[in-house]
Amino acid sequence: MARPLRIEYADGIYHVTAQGIERGRIVRDKVDRGRGVENIETVGKERGWRVFAFALMSNQFRWKR
């Protein structure tokens, strides 16, 4: 069952996370890592978010906006 949608606040601060299936890798090499950083930058600009911090690990990512 899907969880209910979050209520979003205009000036809210959100902690966004994603993890690989069964803690599997989502970043395989330096090229993947570079693309991950580019994706965070692109999505942030498209949505008008300010990204305060991020961590891109081999099996998960986390960022605060």
C-alpha atoms as a PDB file:
ATOM      1  CA  MET A   1       0.000   0.000   0.000  1.00  0.00           C
ATOM      2  CA  ALA A   2       1.368   3.412  -0.948  1.00  0.00           C
ATOM      3  CA  ARG A   3       1.763   5.943   1.800  1.00  0.00           C
ATOM      4  CA  PRO A   4      -0.228   9.192   1.719  1.00  0.00           C
ATOM      5  CA  LEU A   5       1.258  12.217  -0.035  1.00  0.00           C
ATOM      6  CA  ARG A   6       3.293  14.578   2.122  1.00  0.00           C
ATOM      7  CA  ILE A   7       2.043  18.028   2.887  1.00  0.00           C
ATOM      8  CA  GLU A   8       4.551  20.456   1.376  1.00  0.00           C
ATOM      9  CA  TYR A   9       5.279  23.852   2.867  1.00  0.00           C
ATOM     10  CA  ALA A  10       6.689  26.693   0.769  1.00  0.00           C
ATOM     11  CA  ASP A  11       9.600  27.333   3.153  1.00  0.00           C
ATOM     12  CA  GLY A  12       9.838  23.784   4.515  1.00  0.00           C
ATOM     13  CA  ILE A  13      13.110  21.920   4.947  1.00  0.00           C
ATOM     14  CA  TYR A  14      12.980  18.333   3.702  1.00  0.00           C
ATOM     15  CA  HIS A  15      15.357  15.406   4.142  1.00  0.00           C
ATOM     16  CA  VAL A  16      15.266  13.372   0.910  1.00  0.00           C
ATOM     17  CA  THR A  17      16.649   9.819   0.857  1.00  0.00           C
ATOM     18  CA  ALA A  18      16.804   6.818  -1.457  1.00  0.00           C
ATOM     19  CA  GLN A  19      18.428   3.458  -0.939  1.00  0.00           C
ATOM     20  CA  GLY A  20      19.311   0.585  -3.259  1.00  0.00           C
ATOM     21  CA  ILE A  21      17.183  -2.554  -3.164  1.00  0.00           C
ATOM     22  CA  GLU A  22      18.413  -4.811  -0.356  1.00  0.00           C
ATOM     23  CA  ARG A  23      21.126  -2.203   0.248  1.00  0.00           C
ATOM     24  CA  GLY A  24      22.457  -2.844  -3.252  1.00  0.00           C
ATOM     25  CA  ARG A  25      24.703  -0.369  -5.023  1.00  0.00           C
ATOM     26  CA  ILE A  26      23.200   2.636  -6.769  1.00  0.00           C
ATOM     27  CA  VAL A  27      26.583   4.204  -7.539  1.00  0.00           C
ATOM     28  CA  ARG A  28      29.025   1.911  -9.332  1.00  0.00           C
ATOM     29  CA  ASP A  29      31.941   4.183 -10.218  1.00  0.00           C
ATOM     30  CA  LYS A  30      33.162   7.778 -10.545  1.00  0.00           C
ATOM     31  CA  VAL A  31      31.040   8.344 -13.654  1.00  0.00           C
ATOM     32  CA  ASP A  32      27.867   7.309 -11.779  1.00  0.00           C
ATOM     33  CA  ARG A  33      28.857   9.507  -8.846  1.00  0.00           C
ATOM     34  CA  GLY A  34      29.334  12.495 -11.175  1.00  0.00           C
ATOM     35  CA  ARG A  35      25.928  11.884 -12.742  1.00  0.00           C
ATOM     36  CA  GLY A  36      24.362  11.688  -9.298  1.00  0.00           C
ATOM     37  CA  VAL A  37      25.785  15.075  -8.351  1.00  0.00           C
ATOM     38  CA  GLU A  38      24.614  16.515 -11.683  1.00  0.00           C
ATOM     39  CA  ASN A  39      21.112  15.118 -11.067  1.00  0.00           C
ATOM     40  CA  ILE A  40      20.916  16.747  -7.642  1.00  0.00           C
ATOM     41  CA  GLU A  41      21.994  20.067  -9.170  1.00  0.00           C
ATOM     42  CA  THR A  42      19.573  19.778 -12.116  1.00  0.00           C
ATOM     43  CA  VAL A  43      16.536  18.817 -10.040  1.00  0.00           C
ATOM     44  CA  GLY A  44      17.307  21.529  -7.494  1.00  0.00           C
ATOM     45  CA  LYS A  45      17.451  24.200 -10.204  1.00  0.00           C
ATOM     46  CA  GLU A  46      14.343  22.936 -12.007  1.00  0.00           C
ATOM     47  CA  ARG A  47      12.294  22.920  -8.800  1.00  0.00           C
ATOM     48  CA  GLY A  48      13.745  26.109  -7.333  1.00  0.00           C
ATOM     49  CA  TRP A  49      15.121  24.263  -4.291  1.00  0.00           C
ATOM     50  CA  ARG A  50      18.084  25.323  -2.217  1.00  0.00           C
ATOM     51  CA  VAL A  51      20.166  22.243  -1.434  1.00  0.00           C
ATOM     52  CA  PHE A  52      21.884  22.711   1.920  1.00  0.00           C
ATOM     53  CA  ALA A  53      23.846  19.463   1.972  1.00  0.00           C
ATOM     54  CA  PHE A  54      23.999  16.081   0.290  1.00  0.00           C
ATOM     55  CA  ALA A  55      25.708  12.725   0.709  1.00  0.00           C
ATOM     56  CA  LEU A  56      26.038  10.375  -2.245  1.00  0.00           C
ATOM     57  CA  MET A  57      27.119   6.918  -1.084  1.00  0.00           C
ATOM     58  CA  SER A  58      27.502   3.689  -3.011  1.00  0.00           C
ATOM     59  CA  ASN A  59      24.153   2.321  -1.822  1.00  0.00           C
ATOM     60  CA  GLN A  60      22.118   5.416  -0.923  1.00  0.00           C
ATOM     61  CA  PHE A  61      21.827   9.179  -1.132  1.00  0.00           C
ATOM     62  CA  ARG A  62      20.545  11.812   1.250  1.00  0.00           C
ATOM     63  CA  TRP A  63      20.016  15.518   0.860  1.00  0.00           C
ATOM     64  CA  LYS A  64      18.341  18.365   2.641  1.00  0.00           C
ATOM     65  CA  ARG A  65      16.420  21.011   0.824  1.00  0.00           C
END
